[in-house]
Amino acid sequence: VMTMMLIRTLGQASAGHVNPSEIMLVMGFTVLGHLPTILTLSLF
């Protein structure tokens, strides 16, 4: 998920929607928001 979110965030940064210096911060918040789904699938 982090790899997918990193690629997606880099694309948004290249398009001018995300500050390039805040890529890791945006990616961290995004992964944290998807953590319930990740935990459920991991448990299953």
PDB file of all heavy atoms in Angstrom:
ATOM      1  N   VAL A   1       0.826  -1.205   0.000  1.00  0.00           N
ATOM      2  CA  VAL A   1       0.000   0.000   0.000  1.00  0.00           C
ATOM      3  C   VAL A   1       0.865   1.262   0.000  1.00  0.00           C
ATOM      4  O   VAL A   1       0.558   2.241  -0.694  1.00  0.00           O
ATOM      5  CB  VAL A   1      -0.963  -0.020   1.202  1.00  0.00           C
ATOM      6  CG1 VAL A   1      -1.716   1.302   1.320  1.00  0.00           C
ATOM      7  CG2 VAL A   1      -1.950  -1.166   1.078  1.00  0.00           C
ATOM      8  N   MET A   2       1.960   1.256   0.758  1.00  0.00           N
ATOM      9  CA  MET A   2       2.841   2.423   0.771  1.00  0.00           C
ATOM     10  C   MET A   2       3.469   2.660  -0.590  1.00  0.00           C
ATOM     11  O   MET A   2       3.625   3.815  -1.022  1.00  0.00           O
ATOM     12  CB  MET A   2       3.920   2.236   1.844  1.00  0.00           C
ATOM     13  CG  MET A   2       3.424   2.344   3.261  1.00  0.00           C
ATOM     14  SD  MET A   2       4.751   2.269   4.479  1.00  0.00           S
ATOM     15  CE  MET A   2       5.648   3.761   4.078  1.00  0.00           C
ATOM     16  N   THR A   3       3.837   1.580  -1.278  1.00  0.00           N
ATOM     17  CA  THR A   3       4.397   1.744  -2.624  1.00  0.00           C
ATOM     18  C   THR A   3       3.367   2.342  -3.582  1.00  0.00           C
ATOM     19  O   THR A   3       3.671   3.259  -4.362  1.00  0.00           O
ATOM     20  CB  THR A   3       4.885   0.392  -3.151  1.00  0.00           C
ATOM     21  OG1 THR A   3       5.829  -0.164  -2.233  1.00  0.00           O
ATOM     22  CG2 THR A   3       5.544   0.553  -4.506  1.00  0.00           C
ATOM     23  N   MET A   4       2.139   1.833  -3.510  1.00  0.00           N
ATOM     24  CA  MET A   4       1.081   2.375  -4.375  1.00  0.00           C
ATOM     25  C   MET A   4       0.782   3.833  -4.033  1.00  0.00           C
ATOM     26  O   MET A   4       0.616   4.669  -4.938  1.00  0.00           O
ATOM     27  CB  MET A   4      -0.169   1.521  -4.234  1.00  0.00           C
ATOM     28  CG  MET A   4      -0.013   0.084  -4.700  1.00  0.00           C
ATOM     29  SD  MET A   4      -1.460  -0.926  -4.346  1.00  0.00           S
ATOM     30  CE  MET A   4      -2.727  -0.037  -5.236  1.00  0.00           C
ATOM     31  N   MET A   5       0.712   4.155  -2.740  1.00  0.00           N
ATOM     32  CA  MET A   5       0.426   5.533  -2.351  1.00  0.00           C
ATOM     33  C   MET A   5       1.576   6.474  -2.719  1.00  0.00           C
ATOM     34  O   MET A   5       1.344   7.637  -3.066  1.00  0.00           O
ATOM     35  CB  MET A   5       0.169   5.602  -0.843  1.00  0.00           C
ATOM     36  CG  MET A   5      -1.119   4.938  -0.385  1.00  0.00           C
ATOM     37  SD  MET A   5      -2.616   5.702  -1.073  1.00  0.00           S
ATOM     38  CE  MET A   5      -3.062   4.463  -2.298  1.00  0.00           C
ATOM     39  N   LEU A   6       2.817   5.972  -2.662  1.00  0.00           N
ATOM     40  CA  LEU A   6       3.957   6.804  -3.046  1.00  0.00           C
ATOM     41  C   LEU A   6       3.899   7.143  -4.524  1.00  0.00           C
ATOM     42  O   LEU A   6       4.120   8.300  -4.922  1.00  0.00           O
ATOM     43  CB  LEU A   6       5.257   6.079  -2.712  1.00  0.00           C
ATOM     44  CG  LEU A   6       6.554   6.808  -3.088  1.00  0.00           C
ATOM     45  CD1 LEU A   6       6.644   8.148  -2.382  1.00  0.00           C
ATOM     46  CD2 LEU A   6       7.761   5.939  -2.775  1.00  0.00           C
ATOM     47  N   ILE A   7       3.582   6.160  -5.358  1.00  0.00           N
ATOM     48  CA  ILE A   7       3.471   6.424  -6.797  1.00  0.00           C
ATOM     49  C   ILE A   7       2.334   7.403  -7.067  1.00  0.00           C
ATOM     50  O   ILE A   7       2.470   8.341  -7.875  1.00  0.00           O
ATOM     51  CB  ILE A   7       3.248   5.101  -7.547  1.00  0.00           C
ATOM     52  CG1 ILE A   7       4.469   4.184  -7.381  1.00  0.00           C
ATOM     53  CG2 ILE A   7       2.969   5.357  -9.026  1.00  0.00           C
ATOM     54  CD1 ILE A   7       4.285   2.810  -7.971  1.00  0.00           C
ATOM     55  N   ARG A   8       1.219   7.211  -6.380  1.00  0.00           N
ATOM     56  CA  ARG A   8       0.077   8.113  -6.581  1.00  0.00           C
ATOM     57  C   ARG A   8       0.396   9.526  -6.109  1.00  0.00           C
ATOM     58  O   ARG A   8       0.056  10.509  -6.786  1.00  0.00           O
ATOM     59  CB  ARG A   8      -1.120   7.567  -5.822  1.00  0.00           C
ATOM     60  CG  ARG A   8      -2.372   8.412  -5.920  1.00  0.00           C
ATOM     61  CD  ARG A   8      -3.486   7.798  -5.102  1.00  0.00           C
ATOM     62  NE  ARG A   8      -4.684   8.633  -5.111  1.00  0.00           N
ATOM     63  CZ  ARG A   8      -5.780   8.356  -4.429  1.00  0.00           C
ATOM     64  NH1 ARG A   8      -5.847   7.266  -3.691  1.00  0.00           N
ATOM     65  NH2 ARG A   8      -6.815   9.168  -4.480  1.00  0.00           N
ATOM     66  N   THR A   9       1.066   9.660  -4.968  1.00  0.00           N
ATOM     67  CA  THR A   9       1.396  10.985  -4.447  1.00  0.00           C
ATOM     68  C   THR A   9       2.421  11.688  -5.322  1.00  0.00           C
ATOM     69  O   THR A   9       2.361  12.910  -5.514  1.00  0.00           O
ATOM     70  CB  THR A   9       1.906  10.869  -3.005  1.00  0.00           C
ATOM     71  OG1 THR A   9       0.987  10.101  -2.228  1.00  0.00           O
ATOM     72  CG2 THR A   9       2.056  12.241  -2.369  1.00  0.00           C
ATOM     73  N   LEU A  10       3.380  10.930  -5.852  1.00  0.00           N
ATOM     74  CA  LEU A  10       4.351  11.528  -6.764  1.00  0.00           C
ATOM     75  C   LEU A  10       3.664  12.056  -8.022  1.00  0.00           C
ATOM     76  O   LEU A  10       4.027  13.123  -8.538  1.00  0.00           O
ATOM     77  CB  LEU A  10       5.420  10.496  -7.134  1.00  0.00           C
ATOM     78  CG  LEU A  10       6.434  10.139  -6.039  1.00  0.00           C
ATOM     79  CD1 LEU A  10       7.338   9.022  -6.506  1.00  0.00           C
ATOM     80  CD2 LEU A  10       7.254  11.362  -5.640  1.00  0.00           C
ATOM     81  N   GLY A  11       2.670  11.326  -8.504  1.00  0.00           N
ATOM     82  CA  GLY A  11       1.914  11.819  -9.652  1.00  0.00           C
ATOM     83  C   GLY A  11       1.157  13.090  -9.337  1.00  0.00           C
ATOM     84  O   GLY A  11       1.095  14.012 -10.158  1.00  0.00           O
ATOM     85  N   GLN A  12       0.567  13.170  -8.133  1.00  0.00           N
ATOM     86  CA  GLN A  12      -0.131  14.386  -7.743  1.00  0.00           C
ATOM     87  C   GLN A  12       0.833  15.556  -7.562  1.00  0.00           C
ATOM     88  O   GLN A  12       0.495  16.697  -7.878  1.00  0.00           O
ATOM     89  CB  GLN A  12      -0.907  14.141  -6.454  1.00  0.00           C
ATOM     90  CG  GLN A  12      -2.053  13.145  -6.597  1.00  0.00           C
ATOM     91  CD  GLN A  12      -2.725  12.844  -5.288  1.00  0.00           C
ATOM     92  OE1 GLN A  12      -2.245  13.234  -4.211  1.00  0.00           O
ATOM     93  NE2 GLN A  12      -3.842  12.135  -5.338  1.00  0.00           N
ATOM     94  N   ALA A  13       2.033  15.260  -7.059  1.00  0.00           N
ATOM     95  CA  ALA A  13       3.020  16.330  -6.895  1.00  0.00           C
ATOM     96  C   ALA A  13       3.503  16.851  -8.246  1.00  0.00           C
ATOM     97  O   ALA A  13       3.706  18.055  -8.424  1.00  0.00           O
ATOM     98  CB  ALA A  13       4.199  15.819  -6.070  1.00  0.00           C
ATOM     99  N   SER A  14       3.692  15.943  -9.203  1.00  0.00           N
ATOM    100  CA  SER A  14       4.116  16.386 -10.532  1.00  0.00           C
ATOM    101  C   SER A  14       3.031  17.189 -11.240  1.00  0.00           C
ATOM    102  O   SER A  14       3.328  18.046 -12.064  1.00  0.00           O
ATOM    103  CB  SER A  14       4.489  15.179 -11.388  1.00  0.00           C
ATOM    104  OG  SER A  14       3.363  14.334 -11.593  1.00  0.00           O
ATOM    105  N   ALA A  15       1.756  16.928 -10.889  1.00  0.00           N
ATOM    106  CA  ALA A  15       0.646  17.684 -11.476  1.00  0.00           C
ATOM    107  C   ALA A  15       0.388  18.999 -10.752  1.00  0.00           C
ATOM    108  O   ALA A  15      -0.481  19.768 -11.175  1.00  0.00           O
ATOM    109  CB  ALA A  15      -0.628  16.841 -11.482  1.00  0.00           C
ATOM    110  N   GLY A  16       1.096  19.251  -9.650  1.00  0.00           N
ATOM    111  CA  GLY A  16       0.937  20.507  -8.934  1.00  0.00           C
ATOM    112  C   GLY A  16      -0.137  20.506  -7.880  1.00  0.00           C
ATOM    113  O   GLY A  16      -0.529  21.571  -7.404  1.00  0.00           O
ATOM    114  N   HIS A  17      -0.627  19.330  -7.472  1.00  0.00           N
ATOM    115  CA  HIS A  17      -1.672  19.266  -6.452  1.00  0.00           C
ATOM    116  C   HIS A  17      -1.113  19.051  -5.054  1.00  0.00           C
ATOM    117  O   HIS A  17      -1.838  19.243  -4.067  1.00  0.00           O
ATOM    118  CB  HIS A  17      -2.656  18.144  -6.777  1.00  0.00           C
ATOM    119  CG  HIS A  17      -3.324  18.294  -8.107  1.00  0.00           C
ATOM    120  ND1 HIS A  17      -4.108  19.381  -8.423  1.00  0.00           N
ATOM    121  CD2 HIS A  17      -3.317  17.509  -9.208  1.00  0.00           C
ATOM    122  CE1 HIS A  17      -4.556  19.253  -9.664  1.00  0.00           C
ATOM    123  NE2 HIS A  17      -4.091  18.126 -10.159  1.00  0.00           N
ATOM    124  N   VAL A  18       0.129  18.634  -4.937  1.00  0.00           N
ATOM    125  CA  VAL A  18       0.749  18.348  -3.645  1.00  0.00           C
ATOM    126  C   VAL A  18       2.112  18.997  -3.623  1.00  0.00           C
ATOM    127  O   VAL A  18       2.842  18.982  -4.630  1.00  0.00           O
ATOM    128  CB  VAL A  18       0.865  16.825  -3.400  1.00  0.00           C
ATOM    129  CG1 VAL A  18       1.611  16.527  -2.104  1.00  0.00           C
ATOM    130  CG2 VAL A  18      -0.516  16.180  -3.365  1.00  0.00           C
ATOM    131  N   ASN A  19       2.459  19.567  -2.489  1.00  0.00           N
ATOM    132  CA  ASN A  19       3.778  20.166  -2.320  1.00  0.00           C
ATOM    133  C   ASN A  19       4.837  19.064  -2.363  1.00  0.00           C
ATOM    134  O   ASN A  19       4.745  18.089  -1.624  1.00  0.00           O
ATOM    135  CB  ASN A  19       3.841  20.899  -0.985  1.00  0.00           C
ATOM    136  CG  ASN A  19       5.078  21.764  -0.877  1.00  0.00           C
ATOM    137  OD1 ASN A  19       6.012  21.650  -1.666  1.00  0.00           O
ATOM    138  ND2 ASN A  19       5.092  22.640   0.111  1.00  0.00           N
ATOM    139  N   PRO A  20       5.844  19.160  -3.219  1.00  0.00           N
ATOM    140  CA  PRO A  20       6.867  18.109  -3.287  1.00  0.00           C
ATOM    141  C   PRO A  20       7.578  17.876  -1.965  1.00  0.00           C
ATOM    142  O   PRO A  20       8.018  16.751  -1.694  1.00  0.00           O
ATOM    143  CB  PRO A  20       7.832  18.634  -4.364  1.00  0.00           C
ATOM    144  CG  PRO A  20       7.000  19.530  -5.213  1.00  0.00           C
ATOM    145  CD  PRO A  20       6.015  20.177  -4.272  1.00  0.00           C
ATOM    146  N   SER A  21       7.702  18.891  -1.132  1.00  0.00           N
ATOM    147  CA  SER A  21       8.355  18.706   0.160  1.00  0.00           C
ATOM    148  C   SER A  21       7.461  18.024   1.189  1.00  0.00           C
ATOM    149  O   SER A  21       7.933  17.669   2.267  1.00  0.00           O
ATOM    150  CB  SER A  21       8.800  20.063   0.715  1.00  0.00           C
ATOM    151  OG  SER A  21       7.679  20.911   0.937  1.00  0.00           O
ATOM    152  N   GLU A  22       6.177  17.826   0.878  1.00  0.00           N
ATOM    153  CA  GLU A  22       5.237  17.190   1.801  1.00  0.00           C
ATOM    154  C   GLU A  22       4.733  15.846   1.283  1.00  0.00           C
ATOM    155  O   GLU A  22       3.688  15.360   1.712  1.00  0.00           O
ATOM    156  CB  GLU A  22       4.045  18.116   2.049  1.00  0.00           C
ATOM    157  CG  GLU A  22       4.424  19.434   2.696  1.00  0.00           C
ATOM    158  CD  GLU A  22       3.244  20.380   2.831  1.00  0.00           C
ATOM    159  OE1 GLU A  22       2.205  20.132   2.170  1.00  0.00           O
ATOM    160  OE2 GLU A  22       3.357  21.374   3.571  1.00  0.00           O
ATOM    161  N   ILE A  23       5.494  15.229   0.387  1.00  0.00           N
ATOM    162  CA  ILE A  23       5.060  13.958  -0.200  1.00  0.00           C
ATOM    163  C   ILE A  23       4.967  12.876   0.860  1.00  0.00           C
ATOM    164  O   ILE A  23       3.974  12.133   0.942  1.00  0.00           O
ATOM    165  CB  ILE A  23       6.022  13.551  -1.340  1.00  0.00           C
ATOM    166  CG1 ILE A  23       5.846  14.476  -2.540  1.00  0.00           C
ATOM    167  CG2 ILE A  23       5.777  12.104  -1.751  1.00  0.00           C
ATOM    168  CD1 ILE A  23       6.767  14.159  -3.690  1.00  0.00           C
ATOM    169  N   MET A  24       5.992  12.754   1.697  1.00  0.00           N
ATOM    170  CA  MET A  24       5.986  11.702   2.716  1.00  0.00           C
ATOM    171  C   MET A  24       4.885  11.943   3.747  1.00  0.00           C
ATOM    172  O   MET A  24       4.275  10.985   4.249  1.00  0.00           O
ATOM    173  CB  MET A  24       7.350  11.648   3.405  1.00  0.00           C
ATOM    174  CG  MET A  24       8.506  11.307   2.473  1.00  0.00           C
ATOM    175  SD  MET A  24       8.267   9.737   1.596  1.00  0.00           S
ATOM    176  CE  MET A  24       8.263   8.600   2.965  1.00  0.00           C
ATOM    177  N   LEU A  25       4.612  13.205   4.046  1.00  0.00           N
ATOM    178  CA  LEU A  25       3.561  13.510   5.017  1.00  0.00           C
ATOM    179  C   LEU A  25       2.187  13.142   4.459  1.00  0.00           C
ATOM    180  O   LEU A  25       1.369  12.523   5.151  1.00  0.00           O
ATOM    181  CB  LEU A  25       3.610  14.994   5.382  1.00  0.00           C
ATOM    182  CG  LEU A  25       2.734  15.460   6.552  1.00  0.00           C
ATOM    183  CD1 LEU A  25       3.108  14.718   7.817  1.00  0.00           C
ATOM    184  CD2 LEU A  25       2.861  16.953   6.748  1.00  0.00           C
ATOM    185  N   VAL A  26       1.933  13.505   3.211  1.00  0.00           N
ATOM    186  CA  VAL A  26       0.651  13.149   2.589  1.00  0.00           C
ATOM    187  C   VAL A  26       0.509  11.640   2.472  1.00  0.00           C
ATOM    188  O   VAL A  26      -0.558  11.071   2.730  1.00  0.00           O
ATOM    189  CB  VAL A  26       0.531  13.832   1.207  1.00  0.00           C
ATOM    190  CG1 VAL A  26      -0.706  13.347   0.475  1.00  0.00           C
ATOM    191  CG2 VAL A  26       0.492  15.343   1.360  1.00  0.00           C
ATOM    192  N   MET A  27       1.583  10.962   2.090  1.00  0.00           N
ATOM    193  CA  MET A  27       1.534   9.511   1.971  1.00  0.00           C
ATOM    194  C   MET A  27       1.279   8.855   3.319  1.00  0.00           C
ATOM    195  O   MET A  27       0.516   7.886   3.425  1.00  0.00           O
ATOM    196  CB  MET A  27       2.834   8.991   1.371  1.00  0.00           C
ATOM    197  CG  MET A  27       2.839   7.491   1.096  1.00  0.00           C
ATOM    198  SD  MET A  27       4.473   6.876   0.637  1.00  0.00           S
ATOM    199  CE  MET A  27       5.341   7.099   2.196  1.00  0.00           C
ATOM    200  N   GLY A  28       1.906   9.375   4.383  1.00  0.00           N
ATOM    201  CA  GLY A  28       1.684   8.820   5.713  1.00  0.00           C
ATOM    202  C   GLY A  28       0.248   8.965   6.170  1.00  0.00           C
ATOM    203  O   GLY A  28      -0.346   8.012   6.711  1.00  0.00           O
ATOM    204  N   PHE A  29      -0.344  10.133   5.963  1.00  0.00           N
ATOM    205  CA  PHE A  29      -1.748  10.323   6.330  1.00  0.00           C
ATOM    206  C   PHE A  29      -2.673   9.418   5.513  1.00  0.00           C
ATOM    207  O   PHE A  29      -3.650   8.883   6.033  1.00  0.00           O
ATOM    208  CB  PHE A  29      -2.151  11.788   6.137  1.00  0.00           C
ATOM    209  CG  PHE A  29      -1.650  12.700   7.223  1.00  0.00           C
ATOM    210  CD1 PHE A  29      -1.004  13.883   6.911  1.00  0.00           C
ATOM    211  CD2 PHE A  29      -1.835  12.380   8.559  1.00  0.00           C
ATOM    212  CE1 PHE A  29      -0.544  14.727   7.909  1.00  0.00           C
ATOM    213  CE2 PHE A  29      -1.386  13.217   9.557  1.00  0.00           C
ATOM    214  CZ  PHE A  29      -0.736  14.385   9.239  1.00  0.00           C
ATOM    215  N   THR A  30      -2.359   9.248   4.240  1.00  0.00           N
ATOM    216  CA  THR A  30      -3.203   8.400   3.388  1.00  0.00           C
ATOM    217  C   THR A  30      -3.151   6.946   3.818  1.00  0.00           C
ATOM    218  O   THR A  30      -4.179   6.266   3.896  1.00  0.00           O
ATOM    219  CB  THR A  30      -2.765   8.534   1.924  1.00  0.00           C
ATOM    220  OG1 THR A  30      -2.764   9.925   1.546  1.00  0.00           O
ATOM    221  CG2 THR A  30      -3.703   7.781   1.011  1.00  0.00           C
ATOM    222  N   VAL A  31      -1.948   6.451   4.100  1.00  0.00           N
ATOM    223  CA  VAL A  31      -1.815   5.059   4.558  1.00  0.00           C
ATOM    224  C   VAL A  31      -2.491   4.875   5.906  1.00  0.00           C
ATOM    225  O   VAL A  31      -3.132   3.846   6.161  1.00  0.00           O
ATOM    226  CB  VAL A  31      -0.328   4.668   4.614  1.00  0.00           C
ATOM    227  CG1 VAL A  31      -0.154   3.283   5.230  1.00  0.00           C
ATOM    228  CG2 VAL A  31       0.285   4.691   3.222  1.00  0.00           C
ATOM    229  N   LEU A  32      -2.373   5.861   6.783  1.00  0.00           N
ATOM    230  CA  LEU A  32      -3.038   5.767   8.083  1.00  0.00           C
ATOM    231  C   LEU A  32      -4.548   5.717   7.933  1.00  0.00           C
ATOM    232  O   LEU A  32      -5.233   5.006   8.680  1.00  0.00           O
ATOM    233  CB  LEU A  32      -2.631   6.963   8.952  1.00  0.00           C
ATOM    234  CG  LEU A  32      -3.152   6.980  10.400  1.00  0.00           C
ATOM    235  CD1 LEU A  32      -2.638   5.768  11.168  1.00  0.00           C
ATOM    236  CD2 LEU A  32      -2.741   8.267  11.099  1.00  0.00           C
ATOM    237  N   GLY A  33      -5.088   6.437   6.969  1.00  0.00           N
ATOM    238  CA  GLY A  33      -6.525   6.383   6.735  1.00  0.00           C
ATOM    239  C   GLY A  33      -6.988   5.037   6.203  1.00  0.00           C
ATOM    240  O   GLY A  33      -8.121   4.611   6.480  1.00  0.00           O
ATOM    241  N   HIS A  34      -6.133   4.345   5.440  1.00  0.00           N
ATOM    242  CA  HIS A  34      -6.483   3.026   4.907  1.00  0.00           C
ATOM    243  C   HIS A  34      -6.086   1.886   5.843  1.00  0.00           C
ATOM    244  O   HIS A  34      -6.270   0.712   5.478  1.00  0.00           O
ATOM    245  CB  HIS A  34      -5.811   2.806   3.551  1.00  0.00           C
ATOM    246  CG  HIS A  34      -6.379   3.653   2.452  1.00  0.00           C
ATOM    247  ND1 HIS A  34      -5.997   4.954   2.241  1.00  0.00           N
ATOM    248  CD2 HIS A  34      -7.318   3.389   1.505  1.00  0.00           C
ATOM    249  CE1 HIS A  34      -6.657   5.453   1.209  1.00  0.00           C
ATOM    250  NE2 HIS A  34      -7.468   4.528   0.750  1.00  0.00           N
ATOM    251  N   LEU A  35      -5.576   2.209   7.013  1.00  0.00           N
ATOM    252  CA  LEU A  35      -5.117   1.162   7.930  1.00  0.00           C
ATOM    253  C   LEU A  35      -6.240   0.242   8.414  1.00  0.00           C
ATOM    254  O   LEU A  35      -5.995  -0.950   8.613  1.00  0.00           O
ATOM    255  CB  LEU A  35      -4.404   1.800   9.121  1.00  0.00           C
ATOM    256  CG  LEU A  35      -3.445   0.898   9.908  1.00  0.00           C
ATOM    257  CD1 LEU A  35      -2.414   0.283   8.981  1.00  0.00           C
ATOM    258  CD2 LEU A  35      -2.759   1.684  11.007  1.00  0.00           C
ATOM    259  N   PRO A  36      -7.487   0.705   8.641  1.00  0.00           N
ATOM    260  CA  PRO A  36      -8.543  -0.247   9.021  1.00  0.00           C
ATOM    261  C   PRO A  36      -8.755  -1.351   7.993  1.00  0.00           C
ATOM    262  O   PRO A  36      -8.909  -2.522   8.348  1.00  0.00           O
ATOM    263  CB  PRO A  36      -9.785   0.642   9.167  1.00  0.00           C
ATOM    264  CG  PRO A  36      -9.258   1.993   9.473  1.00  0.00           C
ATOM    265  CD  PRO A  36      -7.973   2.099   8.727  1.00  0.00           C
ATOM    266  N   THR A  37      -8.746  -1.006   6.722  1.00  0.00           N
ATOM    267  CA  THR A  37      -8.902  -2.016   5.679  1.00  0.00           C
ATOM    268  C   THR A  37      -7.709  -2.962   5.651  1.00  0.00           C
ATOM    269  O   THR A  37      -7.867  -4.182   5.476  1.00  0.00           O
ATOM    270  CB  THR A  37      -9.067  -1.336   4.318  1.00  0.00           C
ATOM    271  OG1 THR A  37     -10.141  -0.392   4.384  1.00  0.00           O
ATOM    272  CG2 THR A  37      -9.360  -2.344   3.233  1.00  0.00           C
ATOM    273  N   ILE A  38      -6.501  -2.420   5.843  1.00  0.00           N
ATOM    274  CA  ILE A  38      -5.304  -3.261   5.833  1.00  0.00           C
ATOM    275  C   ILE A  38      -5.317  -4.225   7.011  1.00  0.00           C
ATOM    276  O   ILE A  38      -4.990  -5.417   6.868  1.00  0.00           O
ATOM    277  CB  ILE A  38      -4.044  -2.371   5.857  1.00  0.00           C
ATOM    278  CG1 ILE A  38      -4.001  -1.474   4.617  1.00  0.00           C
ATOM    279  CG2 ILE A  38      -2.789  -3.218   5.933  1.00  0.00           C
ATOM    280  CD1 ILE A  38      -2.862  -0.460   4.634  1.00  0.00           C
ATOM    281  N   LEU A  39      -5.698  -3.746   8.189  1.00  0.00           N
ATOM    282  CA  LEU A  39      -5.746  -4.612   9.365  1.00  0.00           C
ATOM    283  C   LEU A  39      -6.801  -5.701   9.206  1.00  0.00           C
ATOM    284  O   LEU A  39      -6.576  -6.859   9.602  1.00  0.00           O
ATOM    285  CB  LEU A  39      -6.026  -3.776  10.618  1.00  0.00           C
ATOM    286  CG  LEU A  39      -4.903  -2.867  11.098  1.00  0.00           C
ATOM    287  CD1 LEU A  39      -5.384  -2.009  12.265  1.00  0.00           C
ATOM    288  CD2 LEU A  39      -3.687  -3.678  11.504  1.00  0.00           C
ATOM    289  N   THR A  40      -7.946  -5.362   8.654  1.00  0.00           N
ATOM    290  CA  THR A  40      -8.998  -6.371   8.459  1.00  0.00           C
ATOM    291  C   THR A  40      -8.543  -7.463   7.505  1.00  0.00           C
ATOM    292  O   THR A  40      -8.726  -8.661   7.772  1.00  0.00           O
ATOM    293  CB  THR A  40     -10.274  -5.696   7.929  1.00  0.00           C
ATOM    294  OG1 THR A  40     -10.687  -4.673   8.834  1.00  0.00           O
ATOM    295  CG2 THR A  40     -11.390  -6.705   7.781  1.00  0.00           C
ATOM    296  N   LEU A  41      -7.961  -7.070   6.391  1.00  0.00           N
ATOM    297  CA  LEU A  41      -7.481  -8.067   5.433  1.00  0.00           C
ATOM    298  C   LEU A  41      -6.340  -8.894   6.020  1.00  0.00           C
ATOM    299  O   LEU A  41      -6.272 -10.115   5.781  1.00  0.00           O
ATOM    300  CB  LEU A  41      -7.035  -7.364   4.152  1.00  0.00           C
ATOM    301  CG  LEU A  41      -6.549  -8.269   3.016  1.00  0.00           C
ATOM    302  CD1 LEU A  41      -7.623  -9.264   2.626  1.00  0.00           C
ATOM    303  CD2 LEU A  41      -6.114  -7.428   1.817  1.00  0.00           C
ATOM    304  N   SER A  42      -5.447  -8.272   6.788  1.00  0.00           N
ATOM    305  CA  SER A  42      -4.353  -9.015   7.411  1.00  0.00           C
ATOM    306  C   SER A  42      -4.881 -10.046   8.397  1.00  0.00           C
ATOM    307  O   SER A  42      -4.391 -11.181   8.447  1.00  0.00           O
ATOM    308  CB  SER A  42      -3.398  -8.043   8.118  1.00  0.00           C
ATOM    309  OG  SER A  42      -2.848  -7.121   7.208  1.00  0.00           O
ATOM    310  N   LEU A  43      -5.874  -9.659   9.185  1.00  0.00           N
ATOM    311  CA  LEU A  43      -6.458 -10.596  10.141  1.00  0.00           C
ATOM    312  C   LEU A  43      -7.154 -11.750   9.421  1.00  0.00           C
ATOM    313  O   LEU A  43      -7.021 -12.917   9.820  1.00  0.00           O
ATOM    314  CB  LEU A  43      -7.447  -9.856  11.039  1.00  0.00           C
ATOM    315  CG  LEU A  43      -8.092 -10.642  12.179  1.00  0.00           C
ATOM    316  CD1 LEU A  43      -7.048 -11.134  13.159  1.00  0.00           C
ATOM    317  CD2 LEU A  43      -9.128  -9.779  12.890  1.00  0.00           C
ATOM    318  N   PHE A  44      -7.877 -11.445   8.369  1.00  0.00           N
ATOM    319  CA  PHE A  44      -8.579 -12.473   7.610  1.00  0.00           C
ATOM    320  C   PHE A  44      -7.586 -13.457   6.987  1.00  0.00           C
ATOM    321  O   PHE A  44      -7.752 -14.679   7.069  1.00  0.00           O
ATOM    322  CB  PHE A  44      -9.430 -11.797   6.535  1.00  0.00           C
ATOM    323  CG  PHE A  44     -10.511 -12.663   5.962  1.00  0.00           C
ATOM    324  CD1 PHE A  44     -10.813 -13.897   6.509  1.00  0.00           C
ATOM    325  CD2 PHE A  44     -11.236 -12.239   4.865  1.00  0.00           C
ATOM    326  CE1 PHE A  44     -11.816 -14.698   5.979  1.00  0.00           C
ATOM    327  CE2 PHE A  44     -12.246 -13.027   4.329  1.00  0.00           C
ATOM    328  CZ  PHE A  44     -12.525 -14.262   4.893  1.00  0.00           C
TER     329      PHE A  44
END
